[in-house]
């Protein structure tokens, strides 16, 4: 079990190292195309164009995420969570989440006292 755990712990780092080495080889030698033409007419440099595009996408996505979380924090909340609690009465409409429904159905089959 120890070797199996060690293997699964080290494997992602090995894969990450292999991906990094692959990218470095591609960066040094350059990639090829199936017809092996050396035409640079349609070549677009990665750095100014795709880097800026990716940065704009990341900034926009993060901004929208922060806007929704900071301005409308309860937008996706369940409406039942905002009702005033009454410790003397248990609500009838409460049902568990889908991953607890099997246990809930087992409890419902047992008659109450």
Protein backbone atom coordinates (compact mmCIF):
# COMPACT_ATOMS: atom_id res chain seq x y z
CA UNK A 1 0.00 0.00 0.00
CA UNK A 2 2.86 2.36 0.71
CA UNK A 3 4.41 1.94 -2.75
CA UNK A 4 1.00 2.35 -4.39
CA UNK A 5 0.38 5.60 -2.51
CA UNK A 6 3.88 6.87 -3.30
CA UNK A 7 3.39 6.08 -6.97
CA UNK A 8 0.11 8.00 -7.10
CA UNK A 9 1.65 10.91 -5.24
CA UNK A 10 4.74 11.16 -7.47
CA UNK A 11 3.00 10.44 -10.80
CA UNK A 12 1.42 13.95 -11.23
CA UNK A 13 4.80 15.58 -10.69
CA UNK A 14 6.38 13.31 -13.29
CA UNK A 15 3.60 14.14 -15.75
CA UNK A 16 4.02 17.85 -15.03
CA UNK A 17 7.77 17.56 -15.63
CA UNK A 18 7.17 15.73 -18.92
CA UNK A 19 4.69 18.39 -20.07
CA UNK A 20 7.16 21.14 -19.19
CA UNK A 21 9.94 19.34 -21.08
CA UNK A 22 7.64 18.86 -24.07
CA UNK A 23 6.79 22.57 -24.13
CA UNK A 24 10.46 23.50 -23.89
CA UNK A 25 11.36 21.22 -26.83
CA UNK A 26 8.49 22.69 -28.86
CA UNK A 27 9.64 26.19 -27.98
CA UNK A 28 13.24 25.50 -28.99
CA UNK A 29 12.66 23.49 -32.17
CA UNK A 30 9.26 24.81 -33.17
CA UNK A 31 6.31 22.71 -34.19
CA UNK A 32 5.73 21.37 -37.67
CA UNK A 33 2.70 20.89 -39.82
CA UNK A 34 1.61 17.78 -41.75
CA UNK A 35 2.77 19.06 -45.14
CA UNK A 36 6.07 20.34 -43.73
CA UNK A 37 5.83 23.71 -45.39
CA UNK A 38 7.95 26.50 -43.95
CA UNK A 39 5.60 29.33 -44.84
CA UNK A 40 5.61 32.07 -42.22
CA UNK A 41 2.84 34.05 -43.92
CA UNK A 42 0.10 32.79 -41.61
CA UNK A 43 2.22 32.61 -38.48
CA UNK A 44 0.97 34.49 -35.41
CA UNK A 45 3.28 35.07 -32.48
CA UNK A 46 2.05 33.74 -29.17
CA UNK A 47 3.20 36.44 -26.77
CA UNK A 48 1.52 39.69 -27.67
CA UNK A 49 -1.71 38.28 -29.09
CA UNK A 50 -2.67 35.19 -27.15
CA UNK A 51 -1.17 36.35 -23.86
CA UNK A 52 -3.23 39.54 -23.91
CA UNK A 53 -6.35 37.61 -24.96
CA UNK A 54 -5.90 35.14 -22.12
CA UNK A 55 -5.23 37.91 -19.59
CA UNK A 56 -8.36 39.78 -20.65
CA UNK A 57 -10.42 36.60 -20.34
CA UNK A 58 -9.01 35.82 -16.88
CA UNK A 59 -9.55 39.39 -15.64
CA UNK A 60 -13.11 39.49 -17.01
CA UNK A 61 -14.02 36.12 -15.50
CA UNK A 62 -12.52 37.01 -12.12
CA UNK A 63 -14.27 40.42 -12.16
CA UNK A 64 -17.66 38.85 -12.88
CA UNK A 65 -17.08 36.25 -10.17
CA UNK A 66 -16.20 38.94 -7.62
CA UNK A 67 -19.08 41.16 -8.72
CA UNK A 68 -21.62 38.40 -8.22
CA UNK A 69 -20.13 37.25 -4.91
CA UNK A 70 -19.77 40.72 -3.40
CA UNK A 71 -22.88 42.48 -4.73
CA UNK A 72 -25.36 39.58 -4.71
CA UNK A 73 -24.08 37.08 -2.15
CA UNK A 74 -27.47 35.44 -1.54
CA UNK A 75 -28.52 35.21 -5.19
CA UNK A 76 -28.09 31.42 -5.41
CA UNK A 77 -29.21 30.67 -1.87
CA UNK A 78 -32.19 28.48 -1.06
CA UNK A 79 -35.22 30.65 -0.11
CA UNK A 80 -36.02 28.34 2.82
CA UNK A 81 -32.78 29.37 4.49
CA UNK A 82 -34.02 32.96 4.83
CA UNK A 83 -37.22 32.18 6.76
CA UNK A 84 -37.36 33.00 10.45
CA UNK A 85 -36.64 29.95 12.58
CA UNK A 86 -39.27 28.72 15.01
CA UNK A 87 -37.71 26.32 17.53
CA UNK A 88 -41.12 24.95 18.56
CA UNK A 89 -42.27 23.79 15.11
CA UNK A 90 -40.39 21.53 12.73
CA UNK A 91 -41.16 22.42 9.10
CA UNK A 92 -42.79 19.67 7.05
CA UNK A 93 -41.39 20.76 3.70
CA UNK A 94 -37.74 20.08 4.60
CA UNK A 95 -36.12 17.42 2.44
CA UNK A 96 -32.42 16.58 2.34
CA UNK A 97 -30.11 17.06 -0.58
CA UNK A 98 -30.06 14.43 -3.31
CA UNK A 99 -27.05 12.61 -1.84
CA UNK A 100 -28.91 11.97 1.44
CA UNK A 101 -32.23 10.92 -0.11
CA UNK A 102 -31.51 7.19 0.30
CA UNK A 103 -31.07 7.60 4.07
CA UNK A 104 -34.09 9.91 4.25
CA UNK A 105 -36.28 7.33 2.51
CA UNK A 106 -35.10 4.63 4.94
CA UNK A 107 -35.97 6.87 7.90
CA UNK A 108 -39.39 7.67 6.43
CA UNK A 109 -40.30 3.95 6.22
CA UNK A 110 -40.00 3.61 10.01
CA UNK A 111 -43.24 4.70 11.68
CA UNK A 112 -43.11 7.51 14.20
CA UNK A 113 -43.76 7.02 17.90
